[in-house]
PDB file of N, CA and C in Angstrom:
ATOM      1  N   GLY A   1     -54.230 107.030  81.073  1.00  0.00           N
ATOM      2  CA  GLY A   1     -54.828 108.289  80.754  1.00  0.00           C
ATOM      3  C   GLY A   1     -56.240 108.376  81.292  1.00  0.00           C
ATOM      4  N   ARG A   2     -56.778 109.537  81.341  1.00  0.00           N
ATOM      5  CA  ARG A   2     -58.131 109.778  81.832  1.00  0.00           C
ATOM      6  C   ARG A   2     -59.071 109.966  80.641  1.00  0.00           C
ATOM      7  N   GLY A   3     -60.310 109.539  80.788  1.00  0.00           N
ATOM      8  CA  GLY A   3     -61.299 109.798  79.785  1.00  0.00           C
ATOM      9  C   GLY A   3     -61.826 111.223  79.973  1.00  0.00           C
ATOM     10  N   VAL A   4     -62.182 111.876  78.870  1.00  0.00           N
ATOM     11  CA  VAL A   4     -62.699 113.230  78.924  1.00  0.00           C
ATOM     12  C   VAL A   4     -64.068 113.267  78.276  1.00  0.00           C
ATOM     13  N   ALA A   5     -65.071 113.722  78.987  1.00  0.00           N
ATOM     14  CA  ALA A   5     -66.412 113.838  78.417  1.00  0.00           C
ATOM     15  C   ALA A   5     -66.427 115.024  77.462  1.00  0.00           C
ATOM     16  N   MET A   6     -66.903 114.787  76.234  1.00  0.00           N
ATOM     17  CA  MET A   6     -66.950 115.861  75.255  1.00  0.00           C
ATOM     18  C   MET A   6     -68.331 115.909  74.621  1.00  0.00           C
ATOM     19  N   LYS A   7     -68.745 117.114  74.274  1.00  0.00           N
ATOM     20  CA  LYS A   7     -69.984 117.271  73.527  1.00  0.00           C
ATOM     21  C   LYS A   7     -69.705 116.873  72.081  1.00  0.00           C
ATOM     22  N   ARG A   8     -70.730 116.441  71.413  1.00  0.00           N
ATOM     23  CA  ARG A   8     -70.604 116.015  70.031  1.00  0.00           C
ATOM     24  C   ARG A   8     -70.073 117.167  69.189  1.00  0.00           C
ATOM     25  N   GLY A   9     -69.047 116.869  68.372  1.00  0.00           N
ATOM     26  CA  GLY A   9     -68.493 117.880  67.486  1.00  0.00           C
ATOM     27  C   GLY A   9     -67.389 118.693  68.108  1.00  0.00           C
ATOM     28  N   HIS A  10     -67.047 118.462  69.385  1.00  0.00           N
ATOM     29  CA  HIS A  10     -65.974 119.206  70.042  1.00  0.00           C
ATOM     30  C   HIS A  10     -64.734 118.336  70.115  1.00  0.00           C
ATOM     31  N   GLU A  11     -63.593 118.893  69.804  1.00  0.00           N
ATOM     32  CA  GLU A  11     -62.339 118.189  69.893  1.00  0.00           C
ATOM     33  C   GLU A  11     -61.663 118.525  71.216  1.00  0.00           C
ATOM     34  N   PRO A  12     -60.851 117.616  71.740  1.00  0.00           N
ATOM     35  CA  PRO A  12     -60.111 117.943  72.960  1.00  0.00           C
ATOM     36  C   PRO A  12     -59.122 119.060  72.678  1.00  0.00           C
ATOM     37  N   LYS A  13     -58.961 119.963  73.625  1.00  0.00           N
ATOM     38  CA  LYS A  13     -58.019 121.060  73.468  1.00  0.00           C
ATOM     39  C   LYS A  13     -56.724 120.707  74.169  1.00  0.00           C
ATOM     40  N   PRO A  14     -55.595 121.006  73.545  1.00  0.00           N
ATOM     41  CA  PRO A  14     -54.329 120.656  74.175  1.00  0.00           C
ATOM     42  C   PRO A  14     -54.088 121.545  75.393  1.00  0.00           C
ATOM     43  N   ALA A  15     -53.524 120.960  76.437  1.00  0.00           N
ATOM     44  CA  ALA A  15     -53.141 121.730  77.604  1.00  0.00           C
ATOM     45  C   ALA A  15     -51.773 122.327  77.333  1.00  0.00           C
ATOM     46  N   PHE A  16     -51.428 123.367  78.072  1.00  0.00           N
ATOM     47  CA  PHE A  16     -50.100 123.938  77.848  1.00  0.00           C
ATOM     48  C   PHE A  16     -49.069 123.066  78.531  1.00  0.00           C
ATOM     49  N   GLY A  17     -47.834 123.193  78.054  1.00  0.00           N
ATOM     50  CA  GLY A  17     -46.741 122.417  78.632  1.00  0.00           C
ATOM     51  C   GLY A  17     -46.177 121.469  77.608  1.00  0.00           C
ATOM     52  N   GLY A  18     -45.361 120.538  78.067  1.00  0.00           N
ATOM     53  CA  GLY A  18     -44.668 119.606  77.195  1.00  0.00           C
ATOM     54  C   GLY A  18     -45.523 118.435  76.805  1.00  0.00           C
ATOM     55  N   ALA A  19     -44.876 117.320  76.469  1.00  0.00           N
ATOM     56  CA  ALA A  19     -45.591 116.132  76.019  1.00  0.00           C
ATOM     57  C   ALA A  19     -46.226 115.429  77.200  1.00  0.00           C
ATOM     58  N   GLY A  20     -47.353 114.787  76.942  1.00  0.00           N
ATOM     59  CA  GLY A  20     -48.050 114.044  77.992  1.00  0.00           C
ATOM     60  C   GLY A  20     -48.355 112.648  77.501  1.00  0.00           C
ATOM     61  N   GLU A  21     -48.952 111.854  78.348  1.00  0.00           N
ATOM     62  CA  GLU A  21     -49.285 110.507  77.942  1.00  0.00           C
ATOM     63  C   GLU A  21     -50.519 110.494  77.073  1.00  0.00           C
ATOM     64  N   ALA A  22     -50.583 109.539  76.168  1.00  0.00           N
ATOM     65  CA  ALA A  22     -51.737 109.431  75.290  1.00  0.00           C
ATOM     66  C   ALA A  22     -52.798 108.581  75.964  1.00  0.00           C
ATOM     67  N   GLY A  23     -54.033 108.867  75.690  1.00  0.00           N
ATOM     68  CA  GLY A  23     -55.135 108.084  76.241  1.00  0.00           C
ATOM     69  C   GLY A  23     -56.419 108.605  75.672  1.00  0.00           C
ATOM     70  N   PRO A  24     -57.549 108.016  76.031  1.00  0.00           N
ATOM     71  CA  PRO A  24     -58.823 108.483  75.496  1.00  0.00           C
ATOM     72  C   PRO A  24     -59.063 109.942  75.859  1.00  0.00           C
ATOM     73  N   GLY A  25     -59.263 110.754  74.857  1.00  0.00           N
ATOM     74  CA  GLY A  25     -59.580 112.169  75.081  1.00  0.00           C
ATOM     75  C   GLY A  25     -58.373 113.006  75.452  1.00  0.00           C
ATOM     76  N   VAL A  26     -57.182 112.429  75.446  1.00  0.00           N
ATOM     77  CA  VAL A  26     -55.969 113.176  75.786  1.00  0.00           C
ATOM     78  C   VAL A  26     -55.074 113.185  74.563  1.00  0.00           C
ATOM     79  N   MET A  27     -54.614 114.357  74.174  1.00  0.00           N
ATOM     80  CA  MET A  27     -53.748 114.467  73.011  1.00  0.00           C
ATOM     81  C   MET A  27     -52.352 113.984  73.382  1.00  0.00           C
ATOM     82  N   ALA A  28     -51.697 113.282  72.479  1.00  0.00           N
ATOM     83  CA  ALA A  28     -50.391 112.700  72.761  1.00  0.00           C
ATOM     84  C   ALA A  28     -49.300 113.761  72.798  1.00  0.00           C
ATOM     85  N   GLU A  29     -49.387 114.764  71.937  1.00  0.00           N
ATOM     86  CA  GLU A  29     -48.350 115.803  71.900  1.00  0.00           C
ATOM     87  C   GLU A  29     -49.003 117.146  72.123  1.00  0.00           C
ATOM     88  N   ARG A  30     -48.366 117.971  72.929  1.00  0.00           N
ATOM     89  CA  ARG A  30     -48.878 119.300  73.199  1.00  0.00           C
ATOM     90  C   ARG A  30     -47.809 120.302  72.799  1.00  0.00           C
ATOM     91  N   PRO A  31     -48.215 121.396  72.177  1.00  0.00           N
ATOM     92  CA  PRO A  31     -47.216 122.399  71.805  1.00  0.00           C
ATOM     93  C   PRO A  31     -46.683 123.107  73.041  1.00  0.00           C
ATOM     94  N   LEU A  32     -45.420 123.508  72.986  1.00  0.00           N
ATOM     95  CA  LEU A  32     -44.861 124.310  74.075  1.00  0.00           C
ATOM     96  C   LEU A  32     -45.391 125.714  73.969  1.00  0.00           C
ATOM     97  N   VAL A  33     -45.612 126.329  75.092  1.00  0.00           N
ATOM     98  CA  VAL A  33     -46.138 127.690  75.134  1.00  0.00           C
ATOM     99  C   VAL A  33     -44.980 128.626  75.464  1.00  0.00           C
ATOM    100  N   PRO A  34     -44.849 129.750  74.734  1.00  0.00           N
ATOM    101  CA  PRO A  34     -43.784 130.690  75.055  1.00  0.00           C
ATOM    102  C   PRO A  34     -43.983 131.290  76.436  1.00  0.00           C
ATOM    103  N   ALA A  35     -42.911 131.842  76.998  1.00  0.00           N
ATOM    104  CA  ALA A  35     -42.987 132.459  78.329  1.00  0.00           C
ATOM    105  C   ALA A  35     -44.043 133.561  78.372  1.00  0.00           C
ATOM    106  N   CYS A  36     -44.323 134.202  77.261  1.00  0.00           N
ATOM    107  CA  CYS A  36     -45.339 135.257  77.188  1.00  0.00           C
ATOM    108  C   CYS A  36     -46.370 134.813  76.147  1.00  0.00           C
ATOM    109  N   PRO A  37     -47.388 134.034  76.557  1.00  0.00           N
ATOM    110  CA  PRO A  37     -48.341 133.452  75.611  1.00  0.00           C
ATOM    111  C   PRO A  37     -49.030 134.464  74.710  1.00  0.00           C
ATOM    112  N   THR A  38     -49.211 135.712  75.149  1.00  0.00           N
ATOM    113  CA  THR A  38     -49.909 136.695  74.347  1.00  0.00           C
ATOM    114  C   THR A  38     -48.979 137.403  73.377  1.00  0.00           C
ATOM    115  N   GLY A  39     -47.679 137.088  73.422  1.00  0.00           N
ATOM    116  CA  GLY A  39     -46.727 137.721  72.538  1.00  0.00           C
ATOM    117  C   GLY A  39     -45.995 138.890  73.205  1.00  0.00           C
ATOM    118  N   ARG A  40     -46.576 139.467  74.225  1.00  0.00           N
ATOM    119  CA  ARG A  40     -45.892 140.518  74.983  1.00  0.00           C
ATOM    120  C   ARG A  40     -46.181 140.288  76.462  1.00  0.00           C
ATOM    121  N   PRO A  41     -45.184 140.518  77.293  1.00  0.00           N
ATOM    122  CA  PRO A  41     -45.379 140.219  78.713  1.00  0.00           C
ATOM    123  C   PRO A  41     -46.371 141.172  79.378  1.00  0.00           C
ATOM    124  N   GLY A  42     -47.159 140.629  80.288  1.00  0.00           N
ATOM    125  CA  GLY A  42     -48.058 141.443  81.086  1.00  0.00           C
ATOM    126  C   GLY A  42     -47.292 142.082  82.239  1.00  0.00           C
ATOM    127  N   ARG A  43     -48.012 142.800  83.069  1.00  0.00           N
ATOM    128  CA  ARG A  43     -47.355 143.531  84.168  1.00  0.00           C
ATOM    129  C   ARG A  43     -46.670 142.578  85.155  1.00  0.00           C
ATOM    130  N   LEU A  44     -47.296 141.460  85.482  1.00  0.00           N
ATOM    131  CA  LEU A  44     -46.712 140.491  86.388  1.00  0.00           C
ATOM    132  C   LEU A  44     -45.471 139.854  85.765  1.00  0.00           C
ATOM    133  N   GLN A  45     -45.557 139.456  84.495  1.00  0.00           N
ATOM    134  CA  GLN A  45     -44.426 138.849  83.810  1.00  0.00           C
ATOM    135  C   GLN A  45     -43.263 139.831  83.736  1.00  0.00           C
ATOM    136  N   ARG A  46     -43.544 141.103  83.448  1.00  0.00           N
ATOM    137  CA  ARG A  46     -42.463 142.108  83.400  1.00  0.00           C
ATOM    138  C   ARG A  46     -41.805 142.267  84.767  1.00  0.00           C
ATOM    139  N   HIS A  47     -42.613 142.225  85.821  1.00  0.00           N
ATOM    140  CA  HIS A  47     -42.064 142.311  87.190  1.00  0.00           C
ATOM    141  C   HIS A  47     -41.126 141.135  87.454  1.00  0.00           C
ATOM    142  N   LEU A  48     -41.526 139.955  87.057  1.00  0.00           N
ATOM    143  CA  LEU A  48     -40.679 138.780  87.272  1.00  0.00           C
ATOM    144  C   LEU A  48     -39.424 138.828  86.415  1.00  0.00           C
ATOM    145  N   LEU A  49     -39.514 139.407  85.220  1.00  0.00           N
ATOM    146  CA  LEU A  49     -38.351 139.529  84.343  1.00  0.00           C
ATOM    147  C   LEU A  49     -37.347 140.557  84.839  1.00  0.00           C
ATOM    148  N   SER A  50     -37.764 141.425  85.774  1.00  0.00           N
ATOM    149  CA  SER A  50     -36.874 142.486  86.276  1.00  0.00           C
ATOM    150  C   SER A  50     -35.713 141.931  87.056  1.00  0.00           C
ATOM    151  N   GLY A  51     -35.741 140.648  87.416  1.00  0.00           N
ATOM    152  CA  GLY A  51     -34.605 140.004  88.044  1.00  0.00           C
ATOM    153  C   GLY A  51     -34.768 139.690  89.511  1.00  0.00           C
ATOM    154  N   GLU A  52     -35.784 140.222  90.175  1.00  0.00           N
ATOM    155  CA  GLU A  52     -35.951 139.975  91.594  1.00  0.00           C
ATOM    156  C   GLU A  52     -36.336 138.520  91.880  1.00  0.00           C
ATOM    157  N   PHE A  53     -37.001 137.875  90.938  1.00  0.00           N
ATOM    158  CA  PHE A  53     -37.500 136.515  91.122  1.00  0.00           C
ATOM    159  C   PHE A  53     -36.954 135.621  90.007  1.00  0.00           C
ATOM    160  N   ASP A  54     -35.646 135.377  90.013  1.00  0.00           N
ATOM    161  CA  ASP A  54     -35.005 134.607  88.951  1.00  0.00           C
ATOM    162  C   ASP A  54     -35.620 133.226  88.744  1.00  0.00           C
ATOM    163  N   GLN A  55     -36.028 132.551  89.818  1.00  0.00           N
ATOM    164  CA  GLN A  55     -36.564 131.202  89.694  1.00  0.00           C
ATOM    165  C   GLN A  55     -37.907 131.178  88.954  1.00  0.00           C
ATOM    166  N   LEU A  56     -38.594 132.310  88.823  1.00  0.00           N
ATOM    167  CA  LEU A  56     -39.893 132.359  88.157  1.00  0.00           C
ATOM    168  C   LEU A  56     -39.852 133.011  86.775  1.00  0.00           C
ATOM    169  N   ARG A  57     -38.738 133.548  86.386  1.00  0.00           N
ATOM    170  CA  ARG A  57     -38.681 134.401  85.189  1.00  0.00           C
ATOM    171  C   ARG A  57     -38.995 133.684  83.873  1.00  0.00           C
ATOM    172  N   ASP A  58     -38.682 132.386  83.753  1.00  0.00           N
ATOM    173  CA  ASP A  58     -38.863 131.701  82.478  1.00  0.00           C
ATOM    174  C   ASP A  58     -40.123 130.829  82.404  1.00  0.00           C
ATOM    175  N   PHE A  59     -40.969 130.860  83.433  1.00  0.00           N
ATOM    176  CA  PHE A  59     -42.191 130.068  83.418  1.00  0.00           C
ATOM    177  C   PHE A  59     -43.236 130.740  82.538  1.00  0.00           C
ATOM    178  N   PRO A  60     -43.958 129.960  81.700  1.00  0.00           N
ATOM    179  CA  PRO A  60     -45.117 130.556  81.024  1.00  0.00           C
ATOM    180  C   PRO A  60     -46.157 130.955  82.066  1.00  0.00           C
ATOM    181  N   ILE A  61     -46.614 132.198  82.012  1.00  0.00           N
ATOM    182  CA  ILE A  61     -47.571 132.699  83.011  1.00  0.00           C
ATOM    183  C   ILE A  61     -48.798 133.249  82.286  1.00  0.00           C
ATOM    184  N   PHE A  62     -49.964 132.786  82.708  1.00  0.00           N
ATOM    185  CA  PHE A  62     -51.220 133.353  82.226  1.00  0.00           C
ATOM    186  C   PHE A  62     -51.698 134.280  83.331  1.00  0.00           C
ATOM    187  N   GLU A  63     -51.846 135.546  83.013  1.00  0.00           N
ATOM    188  CA  GLU A  63     -52.181 136.522  84.056  1.00  0.00           C
ATOM    189  C   GLU A  63     -53.377 137.372  83.648  1.00  0.00           C
ATOM    190  N   SER A  64     -54.031 137.909  84.662  1.00  0.00           N
ATOM    191  CA  SER A  64     -55.157 138.818  84.446  1.00  0.00           C
ATOM    192  C   SER A  64     -55.247 139.765  85.628  1.00  0.00           C
ATOM    193  N   ASN A  65     -55.779 140.937  85.383  1.00  0.00           N
ATOM    194  CA  ASN A  65     -55.956 141.947  86.421  1.00  0.00           C
ATOM    195  C   ASN A  65     -57.391 141.919  86.909  1.00  0.00           C
ATOM    196  N   PHE A  66     -57.549 142.102  88.217  1.00  0.00           N
ATOM    197  CA  PHE A  66     -58.867 142.109  88.856  1.00  0.00           C
ATOM    198  C   PHE A  66     -59.011 143.353  89.716  1.00  0.00           C
ATOM    199  N   VAL A  67     -60.227 143.852  89.798  1.00  0.00           N
ATOM    200  CA  VAL A  67     -60.524 145.019  90.613  1.00  0.00           C
ATOM    201  C   VAL A  67     -61.680 144.676  91.530  1.00  0.00           C
ATOM    202  N   GLN A  68     -61.490 144.891  92.838  1.00  0.00           N
ATOM    203  CA  GLN A  68     -62.586 144.745  93.792  1.00  0.00           C
ATOM    204  C   GLN A  68     -63.205 146.116  93.990  1.00  0.00           C
ATOM    205  N   VAL A  69     -64.515 146.176  93.904  1.00  0.00           N
ATOM    206  CA  VAL A  69     -65.210 147.450  94.082  1.00  0.00           C
ATOM    207  C   VAL A  69     -66.173 147.364  95.248  1.00  0.00           C
ATOM    208  N   THR A  70     -66.446 148.518  95.844  1.00  0.00           N
ATOM    209  CA  THR A  70     -67.401 148.581  96.950  1.00  0.00           C
ATOM    210  C   THR A  70     -68.817 148.612  96.379  1.00  0.00           C
ATOM    211  N   ARG A  71     -69.798 148.559  97.246  1.00  0.00           N
ATOM    212  CA  ARG A  71     -71.199 148.654  96.783  1.00  0.00           C
ATOM    213  C   ARG A  71     -71.483 149.979  96.102  1.00  0.00           C
ATOM    214  N   LEU A  72     -70.714 150.996  96.431  1.00  0.00           N
ATOM    215  CA  LEU A  72     -70.911 152.312  95.812  1.00  0.00           C
ATOM    216  C   LEU A  72     -70.141 152.448  94.495  1.00  0.00           C
ATOM    217  N   GLY A  73     -69.422 151.384  94.111  1.00  0.00           N
ATOM    218  CA  GLY A  73     -68.697 151.408  92.854  1.00  0.00           C
ATOM    219  C   GLY A  73     -67.290 151.974  92.951  1.00  0.00           C
ATOM    220  N   GLU A  74     -66.796 152.175  94.171  1.00  0.00           N
ATOM    221  CA  GLU A  74     -65.437 152.711  94.340  1.00  0.00           C
ATOM    222  C   GLU A  74     -64.446 151.546  94.323  1.00  0.00           C
ATOM    223  N   VAL A  75     -63.258 151.792  93.777  1.00  0.00           N
ATOM    224  CA  VAL A  75     -62.235 150.769  93.722  1.00  0.00           C
ATOM    225  C   VAL A  75     -61.682 150.544  95.135  1.00  0.00           C
ATOM    226  N   ALA A  76     -61.731 149.297  95.592  1.00  0.00           N
ATOM    227  CA  ALA A  76     -61.231 148.958  96.926  1.00  0.00           C
ATOM    228  C   ALA A  76     -59.838 148.326  96.826  1.00  0.00           C
ATOM    229  N   ASN A  77     -59.650 147.417  95.893  1.00  0.00           N
ATOM    230  CA  ASN A  77     -58.369 146.725  95.740  1.00  0.00           C
ATOM    231  C   ASN A  77     -58.140 146.386  94.264  1.00  0.00           C
ATOM    232  N   LYS A  78     -56.856 146.393  93.876  1.00  0.00           N
ATOM    233  CA  LYS A  78     -56.448 145.931  92.553  1.00  0.00           C
ATOM    234  C   LYS A  78     -55.502 144.752  92.764  1.00  0.00           C
ATOM    235  N   VAL A  79     -55.756 143.648  92.053  1.00  0.00           N
ATOM    236  CA  VAL A  79     -54.931 142.450  92.188  1.00  0.00           C
ATOM    237  C   VAL A  79     -54.622 141.899  90.803  1.00  0.00           C
ATOM    238  N   THR A  80     -53.390 141.506  90.594  1.00  0.00           N
ATOM    239  CA  THR A  80     -53.005 140.778  89.397  1.00  0.00           C
ATOM    240  C   THR A  80     -52.811 139.333  89.810  1.00  0.00           C
ATOM    241  N   MET A  81     -53.475 138.418  89.102  1.00  0.00           N
ATOM    242  CA  MET A  81     -53.381 136.984  89.404  1.00  0.00           C
ATOM    243  C   MET A  81     -52.734 136.300  88.218  1.00  0.00           C
ATOM    244  N   GLY A  82     -51.795 135.407  88.502  1.00  0.00           N
ATOM    245  CA  GLY A  82     -51.147 134.637  87.453  1.00  0.00           C
ATOM    246  C   GLY A  82     -51.110 133.175  87.816  1.00  0.00           C
ATOM    247  N   VAL A  83     -51.257 132.313  86.825  1.00  0.00           N
ATOM    248  CA  VAL A  83     -51.101 130.874  87.033  1.00  0.00           C
ATOM    249  C   VAL A  83     -49.955 130.408  86.139  1.00  0.00           C
ATOM    250  N   ALA A  84     -49.178 129.468  86.654  1.00  0.00           N
ATOM    251  CA  ALA A  84     -48.008 128.979  85.924  1.00  0.00           C
ATOM    252  C   ALA A  84     -47.750 127.542  86.304  1.00  0.00           C
ATOM    253  N   ALA A  85     -47.027 126.854  85.422  1.00  0.00           N
ATOM    254  CA  ALA A  85     -46.566 125.511  85.722  1.00  0.00           C
ATOM    255  C   ALA A  85     -45.063 125.573  85.968  1.00  0.00           C
ATOM    256  N   SER A  86     -44.599 124.984  87.050  1.00  0.00           N
ATOM    257  CA  SER A  86     -43.187 125.044  87.376  1.00  0.00           C
ATOM    258  C   SER A  86     -42.334 124.130  86.503  1.00  0.00           C
ATOM    259  N   SER A  87     -43.002 123.306  85.695  1.00  0.00           N
ATOM    260  CA  SER A  87     -42.304 122.405  84.781  1.00  0.00           C
ATOM    261  C   SER A  87     -43.135 122.242  83.510  1.00  0.00           C
ATOM    262  N   PRO A  88     -42.499 122.249  82.336  1.00  0.00           N
ATOM    263  CA  PRO A  88     -43.242 122.033  81.089  1.00  0.00           C
ATOM    264  C   PRO A  88     -43.882 120.648  81.030  1.00  0.00           C
ATOM    265  N   ALA A  89     -43.411 119.709  81.837  1.00  0.00           N
ATOM    266  CA  ALA A  89     -43.943 118.351  81.819  1.00  0.00           C
ATOM    267  C   ALA A  89     -45.287 118.250  82.543  1.00  0.00           C
ATOM    268  N   LEU A  90     -45.631 119.248  83.357  1.00  0.00           N
ATOM    269  CA  LEU A  90     -46.901 119.191  84.093  1.00  0.00           C
ATOM    270  C   LEU A  90     -48.084 119.430  83.169  1.00  0.00           C
ATOM    271  N   GLU A  91     -49.138 118.692  83.399  1.00  0.00           N
ATOM    272  CA  GLU A  91     -50.368 118.828  82.594  1.00  0.00           C
ATOM    273  C   GLU A  91     -51.139 120.080  82.988  1.00  0.00           C
ATOM    274  N   LEU A  92     -51.097 120.434  84.288  1.00  0.00           N
ATOM    275  CA  LEU A  92     -51.836 121.587  84.775  1.00  0.00           C
ATOM    276  C   LEU A  92     -50.906 122.506  85.548  1.00  0.00           C
ATOM    277  N   PRO A  93     -51.244 123.788  85.673  1.00  0.00           N
ATOM    278  CA  PRO A  93     -50.409 124.711  86.457  1.00  0.00           C
ATOM    279  C   PRO A  93     -50.385 124.299  87.929  1.00  0.00           C
ATOM    280  N   ASP A  94     -49.254 124.554  88.575  1.00  0.00           N
ATOM    281  CA  ASP A  94     -49.154 124.246  90.000  1.00  0.00           C
ATOM    282  C   ASP A  94     -48.754 125.464  90.834  1.00  0.00           C
ATOM    283  N   LEU A  95     -48.696 126.633  90.209  1.00  0.00           N
ATOM    284  CA  LEU A  95     -48.372 127.866  90.910  1.00  0.00           C
ATOM    285  C   LEU A  95     -49.460 128.904  90.723  1.00  0.00           C
ATOM    286  N   LEU A  96     -49.828 129.576  91.789  1.00  0.00           N
ATOM    287  CA  LEU A  96     -50.748 130.701  91.741  1.00  0.00           C
ATOM    288  C   LEU A  96     -50.010 131.912  92.318  1.00  0.00           C
ATOM    289  N   LEU A  97     -49.887 132.951  91.519  1.00  0.00           N
ATOM    290  CA  LEU A  97     -49.173 134.161  91.935  1.00  0.00           C
ATOM    291  C   LEU A  97     -50.166 135.294  92.086  1.00  0.00           C
ATOM    292  N   LEU A  98     -50.080 136.015  93.191  1.00  0.00           N
ATOM    293  CA  LEU A  98     -50.928 137.174  93.442  1.00  0.00           C
ATOM    294  C   LEU A  98     -50.039 138.374  93.678  1.00  0.00           C
ATOM    295  N   ALA A  99     -50.362 139.474  93.043  1.00  0.00           N
ATOM    296  CA  ALA A  99     -49.570 140.706  93.190  1.00  0.00           C
ATOM    297  C   ALA A  99     -50.503 141.901  93.184  1.00  0.00           C
ATOM    298  N   GLY A 100     -50.019 142.979  93.726  1.00  0.00           N
ATOM    299  CA  GLY A 100     -50.804 144.227  93.745  1.00  0.00           C
ATOM    300  C   GLY A 100     -49.860 145.400  93.834  1.00  0.00           C
ATOM    301  N   PRO A 101     -50.400 146.593  93.671  1.00  0.00           N
ATOM    302  CA  PRO A 101     -49.564 147.795  93.745  1.00  0.00           C
ATOM    303  C   PRO A 101     -49.072 148.050  95.158  1.00  0.00           C
ATOM    304  N   ALA A 102     -47.791 148.415  95.299  1.00  0.00           N
ATOM    305  CA  ALA A 102     -47.231 148.783  96.593  1.00  0.00           C
ATOM    306  C   ALA A 102     -47.820 150.128  97.017  1.00  0.00           C
ATOM    307  N   LYS A 103     -48.085 150.275  98.293  1.00  0.00           N
ATOM    308  CA  LYS A 103     -48.683 151.528  98.798  1.00  0.00           C
ATOM    309  C   LYS A 103     -47.728 152.711  98.624  1.00  0.00           C
ATOM    310  N   GLU A 104     -46.428 152.467  98.758  1.00  0.00           N
ATOM    311  CA  GLU A 104     -45.460 153.559  98.668  1.00  0.00           C
ATOM    312  C   GLU A 104     -45.343 154.176  97.286  1.00  0.00           C
ATOM    313  N   ASN A 105     -45.193 153.322  96.251  1.00  0.00           N
ATOM    314  CA  ASN A 105     -44.896 153.843  94.915  1.00  0.00           C
ATOM    315  C   ASN A 105     -45.797 153.307  93.804  1.00  0.00           C
ATOM    316  N   GLY A 106     -46.723 152.403  94.109  1.00  0.00           N
ATOM    317  CA  GLY A 106     -47.629 151.883  93.097  1.00  0.00           C
ATOM    318  C   GLY A 106     -47.033 150.790  92.230  1.00  0.00           C
ATOM    319  N   HIS A 107     -45.718 150.489  92.379  1.00  0.00           N
ATOM    320  CA  HIS A 107     -45.114 149.421  91.607  1.00  0.00           C
ATOM    321  C   HIS A 107     -45.669 148.069  92.059  1.00  0.00           C
ATOM    322  N   LEU A 108     -45.730 147.129  91.152  1.00  0.00           N
ATOM    323  CA  LEU A 108     -46.273 145.814  91.459  1.00  0.00           C
ATOM    324  C   LEU A 108     -45.389 145.080  92.465  1.00  0.00           C
ATOM    325  N   GLN A 109     -46.010 144.399  93.414  1.00  0.00           N
ATOM    326  CA  GLN A 109     -45.274 143.554  94.357  1.00  0.00           C
ATOM    327  C   GLN A 109     -46.057 142.281  94.565  1.00  0.00           C
ATOM    328  N   LEU A 110     -45.326 141.161  94.719  1.00  0.00           N
ATOM    329  CA  LEU A 110     -45.968 139.878  94.975  1.00  0.00           C
ATOM    330  C   LEU A 110     -46.470 139.822  96.397  1.00  0.00           C
ATOM    331  N   PHE A 111     -47.650 139.215  96.603  1.00  0.00           N
ATOM    332  CA  PHE A 111     -48.182 139.004  97.944  1.00  0.00           C
ATOM    333  C   PHE A 111     -47.606 137.716  98.468  1.00  0.00           C
ATOM    334  N   GLY A 112     -47.484 137.609  99.753  1.00  0.00           N
ATOM    335  CA  GLY A 112     -47.076 136.325 100.311  1.00  0.00           C
ATOM    336  C   GLY A 112     -46.053 136.410 101.326  1.00  0.00           C
TER     337      GLY A 112
END
């Protein structure tokens, strides 16, 4: 296991995913995270659940929306970013998903 530097009075926080090895500063058991950690799926998770990306549909995904603006404050780009672990046994996420609105209809589409 790896040692983790902590400030006095702070406890180590469990990482998402399955069980991991025990060691200094590493918790022996980690709770499993549901596929929709916030209780309801975000826009990216809903897009993946629609069936087009079956291999990604059951992964827990942490997602957030970002907006790029110009110097004048105009919206230049909208991007949804998600991070996920391809296996519950992984300590850290190993997937980065980027999506944005399609020019034709505004529906979310994965970049790549």
